[in-house]
Amino acid sequence: MKKITFLLSILLSVTLFSQSHVWNGSAGDHDWFNATNWDAGTVPTNTSTVLIEGNGNETVVIDGAAAMAMTIDLPLQSTLTIKSNLTLMGAIQIGENASLIWQKGTLTGGNIQNNGLFVIEGSDLKDINGTNITNFAQLEINNSGVIHIAGSMTIHNPSTGQVIIDSNGGLIEDSGETIFNNEGYVHKLSNGSPGNFYMIFEMNNAGVIEIGDNQTFLFLVTSQNFNNLPNGILTGTGTFDITATFSNTGTIAPAGDGSTGTLDFVNNFHFIADTTLRIDVNSATDYDTLDIFSAPYLEGNLEVNLLSELQLEDELTVITNSNPSTCNLPSQVIATSASALYTFDVLCTTNSVILKVTQIEVLSTEEFSQESFFRVYPNPTKDYLSFEYAPSLLQDYPQSKIELFSVLGQKIASFPVKELTTQVAISNVPSGVYLALWVSEEQVLATTKLMVE
């Protein structure tokens, strides 16, 4: 027991010693530069390790002069507001319920690790010089104007991170090399009036970037790269204006899943073989559209999500382009609704792409729920699929089979249904979205979508 107590004492001493400046707020104000507010009795310097904790609800303000620190730790519900220059040797750690609010000045060096709330706000001048940012939680840019970037830095928005932009202006690289790696969510909000936000740096998107209605993201300068990676999704009902070098192997989804609207692309736009355009269809007059203001080369995949039923010969103009395009899209795509399997012809004209309903195959109208008699798992998958059927229905349809199709209508596999559970190896099937159809001699009994990773 004595040894344990001794070790705990050492650990506690090291922890306390590691914080050279602990905020106690003894002066009764919020001033960083008031030495009375620090337990050390001095203002932090570039070698100081700072802890702003107090009673757990402290607010500290850097204003009027340039501040320095080795590290700054913001736990609990503490808030640090920056209104002048701050130079970091190490990192700012923003705790889960803590906040960092940057209103003015220059941030230089170090790293910001955000597990709480990081807010960039106000129209005063802001510059950032070589400060890396990792956003695990929420980063907000509110009415902030242009933020100038110098030096080399990386902004990393992991899968848990959200970057919410309610501002005109932008993040503009003036010198050095800035790289934004997005695996989470970046959203330019719609606020009722037109708005532009400049993104002049290298963007690598493996998450979601959404542009609000009547808003524009401008990825500019040909020396910069905008890479929409295989897991990346570009969505919204605004405009992506791209003069940066654009590489697109991800997904374009106007308005987002389950909603319909129009998404615009201006200048550079590429829709190569590995790209997917995801179209939600609510009716023959209410569906997603992609408007392209350039002369695109169209060669990707079309994925149709039917939210309601259509009629034979219905035509949906899903892509328009201002200049003649080169179209090498698939000739047909298939999709399912709640009650039917649809085949669409893909019609390319000089300035548009039209989906025309050419076949409708009504699914079984038996009095049962699909979920109760047809189950497919795991989904998504990468090695195998299992199909499970209700015993009574298996007796009713002894000659049934499973057919696996790509969304382009290509049959990938077909196999008989003989037992209550059928397992199929799919390790040789390319990654993508597929349709599985349970069919009998007379009809399509059920369908489901599958994701192969």
Protein backbone atom coordinates (compact mmCIF):
# COMPACT_ATOMS: atom_id res chain seq x y z
CA MET A 1 0.00 0.00 0.00
CA LYS A 2 2.86 2.40 0.83
CA LYS A 3 4.37 1.75 -2.61
CA ILE A 4 1.04 2.47 -4.32
CA THR A 5 0.58 5.70 -2.35
CA PHE A 6 4.12 6.75 -3.20
CA LEU A 7 3.58 6.10 -6.91
CA LEU A 8 0.31 8.05 -6.90
CA SER A 9 2.08 10.94 -5.21
CA ILE A 10 4.76 10.94 -7.90
CA LEU A 11 2.16 10.86 -10.69
CA LEU A 12 0.20 13.70 -9.08
CA SER A 13 3.37 15.75 -8.64
CA VAL A 14 4.34 15.23 -12.29
CA THR A 15 0.84 16.24 -13.44
CA LEU A 16 0.86 19.40 -11.36
CA PHE A 17 4.43 20.22 -12.30
CA SER A 18 3.66 19.83 -16.00
CA GLN A 19 1.27 22.79 -15.82
CA SER A 20 3.45 25.85 -15.31
CA HIS A 21 0.49 28.25 -15.44
CA VAL A 22 -2.91 27.30 -14.02
CA TRP A 23 -5.74 29.83 -14.29
CA ASN A 24 -7.31 30.72 -10.95
CA GLY A 25 -9.06 33.98 -11.93
CA SER A 26 -8.01 35.68 -8.69
CA ALA A 27 -8.16 39.15 -10.25
CA GLY A 28 -11.88 38.75 -10.90
CA ASP A 29 -11.61 39.60 -14.60
CA HIS A 30 -11.03 37.51 -17.75
CA ASP A 31 -7.72 39.05 -18.75
CA TRP A 32 -4.97 36.67 -19.93
CA PHE A 33 -2.38 39.43 -19.34
CA ASN A 34 -3.29 40.04 -15.68
CA ALA A 35 -0.64 38.07 -13.78
CA THR A 36 -2.89 37.85 -10.70
CA ASN A 37 -5.16 35.47 -12.63
CA TRP A 38 -2.40 32.82 -12.77
CA ASP A 39 -1.18 30.64 -9.96
CA ALA A 40 2.43 31.32 -11.00
CA GLY A 41 1.90 35.07 -10.53
CA THR A 42 3.25 35.73 -14.03
CA VAL A 43 1.81 35.89 -17.54
CA PRO A 44 2.47 32.77 -19.67
CA THR A 45 5.43 32.82 -22.06
CA ASN A 46 6.48 30.63 -24.98
CA THR A 47 7.69 27.94 -22.53
CA SER A 48 4.51 27.88 -20.45
CA THR A 49 2.16 24.91 -20.23
CA VAL A 50 -1.24 26.46 -19.55
CA LEU A 51 -4.32 24.95 -17.89
CA ILE A 52 -7.56 26.97 -17.96
CA GLU A 53 -9.90 25.08 -15.68
CA GLY A 54 -10.83 26.99 -12.56
CA ASN A 55 -14.30 25.95 -11.41
CA GLY A 56 -14.97 24.36 -14.77
CA ASN A 57 -16.80 27.34 -16.31
CA GLU A 58 -13.99 29.82 -16.88
CA THR A 59 -13.77 32.42 -19.68
CA VAL A 60 -10.35 33.85 -20.55
CA VAL A 61 -9.74 36.59 -23.13
CA ILE A 62 -6.53 37.37 -25.05
CA ASP A 63 -6.85 41.00 -26.14
CA GLY A 64 -4.66 44.03 -26.79
CA ALA A 65 -1.24 42.38 -26.91
CA ALA A 66 0.46 39.29 -28.35
CA ALA A 67 0.19 36.14 -26.25
CA MET A 68 2.47 33.08 -26.23
CA ALA A 69 2.34 29.57 -24.81
CA MET A 70 3.90 26.18 -25.22
CA THR A 71 0.57 24.37 -24.75
CA ILE A 72 -2.95 25.35 -23.68
CA ASP A 73 -5.37 22.86 -22.14
CA LEU A 74 -9.10 23.73 -22.11
CA PRO A 75 -10.99 21.05 -20.16
CA LEU A 76 -14.51 21.03 -18.73
CA GLN A 77 -16.60 24.04 -19.84
CA SER A 78 -13.79 26.58 -20.12
CA THR A 79 -13.66 29.13 -22.96
CA LEU A 80 -10.67 30.94 -24.48
CA THR A 81 -11.44 33.95 -26.69
CA ILE A 82 -8.65 35.28 -28.94
CA LYS A 83 -8.80 38.95 -29.99
CA SER A 84 -5.12 39.50 -30.78
CA ASN A 85 -2.07 37.47 -31.82
CA LEU A 86 -1.25 34.08 -30.31
CA THR A 87 1.93 32.08 -30.93
CA LEU A 88 1.98 28.39 -30.04
CA MET A 89 4.99 26.14 -29.62
CA GLY A 90 2.84 23.05 -29.03
CA ALA A 91 -0.91 22.37 -29.01
CA ILE A 92 -4.23 23.75 -27.85
CA GLN A 93 -6.39 20.91 -26.53
CA ILE A 94 -10.11 21.80 -26.61
CA GLY A 95 -12.05 19.48 -24.30
CA GLU A 96 -15.43 17.96 -25.04
CA ASN A 97 -17.44 20.80 -23.45
CA ALA A 98 -14.87 23.57 -23.92
CA SER A 99 -14.74 26.33 -26.53
CA LEU A 100 -12.08 28.24 -28.45
CA ILE A 101 -13.36 31.45 -30.03
CA TRP A 102 -11.12 33.25 -32.51
CA GLN A 103 -12.28 36.78 -33.36
CA LYS A 104 -9.17 38.66 -34.47
CA GLY A 105 -5.40 38.51 -34.96
CA THR A 106 -2.82 35.98 -36.13
CA LEU A 107 -2.45 32.38 -35.01
CA THR A 108 1.13 31.18 -35.45
CA GLY A 109 2.55 27.67 -35.15
CA GLY A 110 1.47 24.70 -33.14
CA ASN A 111 -1.63 22.53 -33.39
CA ILE A 112 -5.28 22.86 -32.44
CA GLN A 113 -6.92 19.59 -31.34
CA ASN A 114 -10.65 20.17 -31.13
CA ASN A 115 -12.91 17.79 -29.22
CA GLY A 116 -15.40 20.51 -28.33
CA LEU A 117 -16.28 23.73 -30.15
CA PHE A 118 -13.92 25.89 -32.23
CA VAL A 119 -15.58 29.08 -33.49
CA ILE A 120 -14.06 31.51 -36.01
CA GLU A 121 -16.23 34.61 -36.03
CA GLY A 122 -16.39 38.32 -36.75
CA SER A 123 -15.24 40.52 -39.63
CA ASP A 124 -11.89 41.63 -38.14
CA LEU A 125 -8.71 40.54 -39.95
CA LYS A 126 -7.50 37.03 -39.27
CA ASP A 127 -4.34 35.26 -40.41
CA ILE A 128 -3.18 31.76 -39.70
CA ASN A 129 0.49 30.89 -40.05
CA GLY A 130 1.45 27.21 -39.95
CA THR A 131 -1.10 26.14 -37.32
CA ASN A 132 -2.39 22.60 -37.95
CA ILE A 133 -6.02 21.92 -37.06
CA THR A 134 -7.60 18.55 -36.24
CA ASN A 135 -11.35 18.83 -35.76
CA PHE A 136 -12.93 15.82 -34.04
CA ALA A 137 -16.10 17.73 -33.12
CA GLN A 138 -17.51 21.04 -34.41
CA LEU A 139 -15.74 23.92 -36.15
CA GLU A 140 -17.92 26.91 -37.01
CA ILE A 141 -17.07 29.81 -39.32
CA ASN A 142 -19.58 32.61 -38.69
CA ASN A 143 -19.58 35.97 -40.53
CA SER A 144 -15.81 35.84 -40.63
CA GLY A 145 -14.85 37.20 -44.06
CA VAL A 146 -11.56 36.06 -45.60
CA ILE A 147 -9.09 34.13 -43.46
CA HIS A 148 -5.57 34.33 -44.91
CA ILE A 149 -3.22 31.35 -44.65
CA ALA A 150 0.58 31.49 -44.69
CA GLY A 151 3.13 28.74 -44.17
CA SER A 152 2.46 25.03 -44.49
CA MET A 153 -0.46 23.59 -42.54
CA THR A 154 -2.93 20.71 -42.55
CA ILE A 155 -6.60 20.83 -41.66
CA HIS A 156 -7.92 17.38 -40.81
CA ASN A 157 -11.65 16.82 -40.39
CA PRO A 158 -12.07 13.16 -39.32
CA SER A 159 -15.30 11.18 -39.67
CA THR A 160 -16.67 12.65 -36.41
CA GLY A 161 -15.89 16.23 -37.43
CA GLN A 162 -18.32 18.86 -38.69
CA VAL A 163 -17.29 22.14 -40.32
CA ILE A 164 -20.30 24.46 -40.48
CA ILE A 165 -19.86 27.62 -42.54
CA ASP A 166 -22.32 30.49 -42.11
CA SER A 167 -20.20 33.18 -43.72
CA ASN A 168 -19.13 34.75 -46.96
CA GLY A 169 -15.40 35.09 -47.53
CA GLY A 170 -13.11 32.09 -47.54
CA LEU A 171 -9.94 30.29 -46.53
CA ILE A 172 -7.23 31.53 -48.89
CA GLU A 173 -3.68 30.20 -49.11
CA ASP A 174 -1.36 33.18 -49.65
CA SER A 175 1.89 31.22 -49.28
CA GLY A 176 3.16 27.80 -48.29
CA GLU A 177 1.08 24.66 -48.78
CA THR A 178 -2.28 24.08 -47.15
CA ILE A 179 -3.99 20.68 -47.30
CA PHE A 180 -7.56 20.05 -46.12
CA ASN A 181 -8.31 16.34 -45.59
CA ASN A 182 -12.03 15.82 -45.05
CA GLU A 183 -13.48 12.53 -43.85
CA GLY A 184 -16.41 14.13 -42.02
CA TYR A 185 -18.97 16.77 -42.97
CA VAL A 186 -18.44 20.24 -44.42
CA HIS A 187 -21.55 22.38 -44.96
CA LYS A 188 -22.04 25.91 -46.32
CA LEU A 189 -25.37 26.94 -44.86
CA SER A 190 -28.15 28.66 -46.76
CA ASN A 191 -29.08 31.88 -44.98
CA GLY A 192 -31.72 33.33 -47.31
CA SER A 193 -29.39 35.40 -49.50
CA PRO A 194 -26.69 34.51 -52.07
CA GLY A 195 -23.29 33.73 -50.60
CA ASN A 196 -19.78 32.79 -51.77
CA PHE A 197 -17.01 31.03 -49.89
CA TYR A 198 -13.54 30.62 -51.41
CA MET A 199 -11.55 27.45 -50.80
CA ILE A 200 -8.07 28.12 -52.19
CA PHE A 201 -5.95 25.20 -51.02
CA GLU A 202 -5.69 21.47 -51.74
CA MET A 203 -8.88 19.64 -50.79
CA ASN A 204 -9.01 15.85 -50.42
CA ASN A 205 -12.60 14.81 -49.78
CA ALA A 206 -13.44 11.35 -48.45
CA GLY A 207 -16.48 12.59 -46.52
CA VAL A 208 -19.41 14.85 -47.41
CA ILE A 209 -19.27 18.41 -48.71
CA GLU A 210 -22.70 20.06 -48.90
CA ILE A 211 -23.49 23.43 -50.46
CA GLY A 212 -26.71 25.14 -49.41
CA ASP A 213 -29.36 26.67 -51.63
CA ASN A 214 -28.21 29.85 -53.41
CA GLN A 215 -24.66 29.39 -52.06
CA THR A 216 -21.36 28.83 -53.91
CA PHE A 217 -18.16 27.06 -52.98
CA LEU A 218 -15.32 28.38 -55.15
CA PHE A 219 -12.39 25.99 -55.45
CA LEU A 220 -10.08 28.24 -57.42
CA VAL A 221 -6.56 28.49 -58.88
CA THR A 222 -5.30 25.87 -61.32
CA SER A 223 -2.22 25.15 -59.19
CA GLN A 224 -4.50 23.78 -56.43
CA ASN A 225 -6.10 20.32 -56.41
CA PHE A 226 -9.66 19.35 -55.52
CA ASN A 227 -9.87 15.57 -55.17
CA ASN A 228 -13.24 13.95 -54.57
CA LEU A 229 -12.05 10.50 -53.47
CA PRO A 230 -13.95 7.17 -53.83
CA ASN A 231 -15.80 7.61 -50.52
CA GLY A 232 -16.36 11.32 -51.11
CA ILE A 233 -19.83 12.81 -51.68
CA LEU A 234 -20.54 16.25 -53.16
CA THR A 235 -24.12 17.27 -52.47
CA GLY A 236 -26.52 20.16 -51.97
CA THR A 237 -28.67 22.55 -53.98
CA GLY A 238 -26.10 25.30 -54.56
CA THR A 239 -23.04 25.62 -56.80
CA PHE A 240 -19.54 24.18 -56.93
CA ASP A 241 -17.43 26.60 -59.01
CA ILE A 242 -14.16 24.81 -59.75
CA THR A 243 -11.13 26.15 -61.58
CA ALA A 244 -8.72 24.11 -59.46
CA THR A 245 -7.49 20.83 -60.92
CA PHE A 246 -10.48 18.56 -60.28
CA SER A 247 -10.26 14.79 -59.82
CA ASN A 248 -13.53 12.99 -59.17
CA THR A 249 -13.86 9.28 -58.36
CA GLY A 250 -16.60 9.69 -55.75
CA THR A 251 -20.34 10.38 -55.72
CA ILE A 252 -22.43 13.35 -56.82
CA ALA A 253 -25.78 13.47 -54.99
CA PRO A 254 -27.93 16.56 -55.68
CA ALA A 255 -29.96 17.63 -52.62
CA GLY A 256 -28.82 14.62 -50.58
CA ASP A 257 -30.41 11.24 -49.99
CA GLY A 258 -34.20 11.22 -49.82
CA SER A 259 -34.60 14.81 -51.08
CA THR A 260 -34.81 16.29 -54.56
CA GLY A 261 -33.20 19.42 -56.01
CA THR A 262 -30.68 20.84 -58.44
CA LEU A 263 -26.92 20.94 -57.95
CA ASP A 264 -24.76 23.13 -60.22
CA PHE A 265 -21.17 22.68 -61.34
CA VAL A 266 -19.34 25.53 -63.08
CA ASN A 267 -16.08 25.31 -65.06
CA ASN A 268 -14.13 22.11 -64.31
CA PHE A 269 -16.28 19.01 -64.00
CA HIS A 270 -15.28 15.39 -64.57
CA PHE A 271 -17.59 12.38 -64.51
CA ILE A 272 -15.28 9.46 -65.23
CA ALA A 273 -16.02 5.72 -65.17
CA ASP A 274 -15.52 5.37 -61.40
CA THR A 275 -17.90 8.23 -60.55
CA THR A 276 -21.53 7.80 -59.44
CA LEU A 277 -24.41 10.22 -59.92
CA ARG A 278 -27.12 9.41 -57.35
CA ILE A 279 -30.58 10.56 -58.43
CA ASP A 280 -33.62 10.62 -56.11
CA VAL A 281 -36.97 10.54 -57.95
CA ASN A 282 -40.16 11.62 -56.21
CA SER A 283 -42.29 11.82 -59.38
CA ALA A 284 -41.98 12.40 -63.14
CA THR A 285 -41.76 16.15 -62.42
CA ASP A 286 -39.92 16.12 -59.09
CA TYR A 287 -36.44 14.60 -59.18
CA ASP A 288 -32.76 15.45 -58.77
CA THR A 289 -30.94 17.24 -61.58
CA LEU A 290 -27.30 18.05 -62.23
CA ASP A 291 -26.67 21.29 -64.14
CA ILE A 292 -23.18 21.57 -65.64
CA PHE A 293 -21.93 24.88 -67.00
CA SER A 294 -19.12 23.52 -69.15
CA ALA A 295 -18.52 20.86 -71.81
CA PRO A 296 -18.19 17.70 -69.67
CA TYR A 297 -17.09 14.20 -70.56
CA LEU A 298 -19.76 11.91 -69.11
CA GLU A 299 -18.73 8.32 -68.44
CA GLY A 300 -19.77 7.45 -64.88
CA ASN A 301 -22.51 5.39 -63.26
CA LEU A 302 -26.11 6.40 -62.65
CA GLU A 303 -27.85 5.22 -59.48
CA VAL A 304 -31.61 5.86 -59.30
CA ASN A 305 -33.49 5.89 -55.98
CA LEU A 306 -37.26 5.73 -56.58
CA LEU A 307 -39.29 7.36 -53.81
CA SER A 308 -42.59 6.75 -55.63
CA GLU A 309 -43.98 5.08 -58.76
CA LEU A 310 -43.54 6.20 -62.39
CA GLN A 311 -45.38 5.48 -65.63
CA LEU A 312 -44.16 3.76 -68.77
CA GLU A 313 -42.56 6.30 -71.18
CA ASP A 314 -41.92 8.86 -68.42
CA GLU A 315 -38.79 10.90 -69.20
CA LEU A 316 -36.52 12.52 -66.60
CA THR A 317 -33.89 15.08 -67.68
CA VAL A 318 -31.33 14.39 -64.98
CA ILE A 319 -28.29 16.20 -66.48
CA THR A 320 -28.08 19.43 -68.44
CA ASN A 321 -24.89 21.03 -69.75
CA SER A 322 -24.33 24.45 -71.26
CA ASN A 323 -21.90 23.23 -73.92
CA PRO A 324 -21.91 20.02 -75.97
CA SER A 325 -20.78 17.01 -74.00
CA THR A 326 -19.16 13.71 -74.84
CA CYS A 327 -21.45 11.02 -73.48
CA ASN A 328 -20.34 7.47 -72.80
CA LEU A 329 -22.84 6.60 -70.08
CA PRO A 330 -24.41 3.12 -69.79
CA SER A 331 -27.28 2.54 -72.21
CA GLN A 332 -29.63 1.34 -69.45
CA VAL A 333 -30.04 1.47 -65.68
CA ILE A 334 -32.45 -0.35 -63.40
CA ALA A 335 -34.08 0.67 -60.13
CA THR A 336 -36.73 -0.61 -57.77
CA SER A 337 -39.62 1.08 -56.01
CA ALA A 338 -41.80 -0.39 -53.27
CA SER A 339 -43.82 -2.36 -55.82
CA ALA A 340 -41.97 -2.58 -59.16
CA LEU A 341 -38.70 -3.08 -60.98
CA TYR A 342 -37.96 -0.32 -63.51
CA THR A 343 -35.70 -0.29 -66.55
CA PHE A 344 -34.59 3.11 -67.87
CA ASP A 345 -33.00 3.81 -71.23
CA VAL A 346 -30.24 6.41 -70.93
CA LEU A 347 -30.61 8.94 -73.76
CA CYS A 348 -27.74 11.34 -74.41
CA THR A 349 -28.44 14.51 -76.39
CA THR A 350 -26.08 17.38 -77.17
CA ASN A 351 -26.93 19.24 -73.98
CA SER A 352 -28.70 16.77 -71.71
CA VAL A 353 -29.08 13.25 -70.40
CA ILE A 354 -32.58 11.79 -70.16
CA LEU A 355 -33.78 8.69 -68.33
CA LYS A 356 -36.78 7.11 -70.08
CA VAL A 357 -38.90 4.41 -68.45
CA THR A 358 -39.03 1.53 -70.95
CA GLN A 359 -40.06 -1.39 -68.76
CA ILE A 360 -41.95 -1.84 -65.50
CA GLU A 361 -42.15 -5.25 -63.86
CA VAL A 362 -44.62 -5.30 -60.98
CA LEU A 363 -43.44 -7.16 -57.90
CA SER A 364 -45.53 -9.81 -56.18
CA THR A 365 -48.82 -8.58 -54.69
CA GLU A 366 -49.07 -11.44 -52.19
CA GLU A 367 -50.31 -10.41 -48.77
CA PHE A 368 -47.00 -10.43 -46.93
CA SER A 369 -44.28 -8.07 -45.83
CA GLN A 370 -40.95 -8.40 -47.64
CA GLU A 371 -39.04 -8.06 -44.38
CA SER A 372 -40.84 -11.11 -42.95
CA PHE A 373 -39.93 -13.52 -45.74
CA PHE A 374 -36.75 -12.32 -47.49
CA ARG A 375 -33.64 -11.32 -45.55
CA VAL A 376 -30.15 -10.60 -46.88
CA TYR A 377 -27.07 -10.27 -44.66
CA PRO A 378 -24.45 -9.00 -43.99
CA ASN A 379 -25.05 -5.72 -45.81
CA PRO A 380 -22.66 -4.10 -46.63
CA THR A 381 -20.34 -7.04 -47.20
CA LYS A 382 -17.08 -7.97 -48.86
CA ASP A 383 -16.74 -11.78 -48.75
CA TYR A 384 -20.13 -13.49 -48.82
CA LEU A 385 -23.92 -12.94 -48.80
CA SER A 386 -26.59 -15.01 -47.09
CA PHE A 387 -30.19 -15.04 -48.38
CA GLU A 388 -32.84 -16.28 -45.95
CA TYR A 389 -36.46 -17.19 -46.85
CA ALA A 390 -39.64 -18.06 -44.95
CA PRO A 391 -40.39 -21.83 -45.13
CA SER A 392 -44.00 -21.40 -46.30
CA LEU A 393 -43.01 -19.18 -49.22
CA LEU A 394 -40.18 -21.45 -50.22
CA GLN A 395 -42.82 -24.18 -50.63
CA ASP A 396 -45.04 -21.84 -52.67
CA TYR A 397 -42.22 -21.01 -55.10
CA PRO A 398 -40.12 -24.18 -55.45
CA GLN A 399 -38.57 -23.09 -58.76
CA SER A 400 -37.45 -19.65 -57.58
CA LYS A 401 -33.95 -18.24 -57.89
CA ILE A 402 -31.81 -15.22 -56.91
CA GLU A 403 -30.47 -12.92 -59.63
CA LEU A 404 -27.81 -10.32 -58.86
CA PHE A 405 -27.64 -7.21 -61.06
CA SER A 406 -25.46 -4.13 -61.18
CA VAL A 407 -27.34 -0.82 -61.17
CA LEU A 408 -26.51 -0.61 -64.89
CA GLY A 409 -28.65 -3.66 -65.54
CA GLN A 410 -25.82 -6.17 -66.03
CA LYS A 411 -26.58 -9.61 -64.59
CA ILE A 412 -23.71 -10.59 -62.29
CA ALA A 413 -24.91 -13.96 -61.03
CA SER A 414 -27.90 -16.31 -60.85
CA PHE A 415 -28.40 -19.26 -58.51
CA PRO A 416 -31.35 -21.50 -57.48
CA VAL A 417 -33.12 -21.26 -54.14
CA LYS A 418 -33.21 -24.76 -52.63
CA GLU A 419 -32.82 -24.28 -48.89
CA LEU A 420 -34.03 -21.85 -46.21
CA THR A 421 -30.67 -20.09 -46.34
CA THR A 422 -28.43 -19.68 -49.36
CA GLN A 423 -24.85 -18.48 -48.95
CA VAL A 424 -22.96 -17.01 -51.92
CA ALA A 425 -19.29 -16.02 -52.17
CA ILE A 426 -18.88 -12.56 -53.66
CA SER A 427 -15.18 -11.87 -53.03
CA ASN A 428 -14.65 -11.60 -56.81
CA VAL A 429 -17.48 -9.07 -57.26
CA PRO A 430 -16.21 -5.47 -57.68
CA SER A 431 -17.11 -2.89 -55.04
CA GLY A 432 -20.36 -1.07 -55.67
CA VAL A 433 -24.14 -1.09 -55.34
CA TYR A 434 -26.12 -4.09 -56.62
CA LEU A 435 -29.72 -5.28 -56.82
CA ALA A 436 -30.71 -8.75 -55.68
CA LEU A 437 -33.96 -10.07 -57.17
CA TRP A 438 -35.87 -13.09 -55.87
CA VAL A 439 -37.76 -14.32 -58.91
CA SER A 440 -40.10 -17.20 -59.65
CA GLU A 441 -41.18 -18.46 -63.04
CA GLU A 442 -44.05 -15.96 -63.07
CA GLN A 443 -42.89 -12.84 -61.25
CA VAL A 444 -40.33 -10.89 -59.27
CA LEU A 445 -41.10 -11.69 -55.65
CA ALA A 446 -38.80 -9.19 -53.95
CA THR A 447 -35.77 -6.99 -54.45
CA THR A 448 -33.17 -5.45 -52.21
CA LYS A 449 -30.09 -3.25 -52.62
CA LEU A 450 -26.68 -4.52 -51.62
CA MET A 451 -23.40 -2.79 -50.98
CA VAL A 452 -20.21 -4.69 -51.79
CA GLU A 453 -17.16 -3.06 -50.17
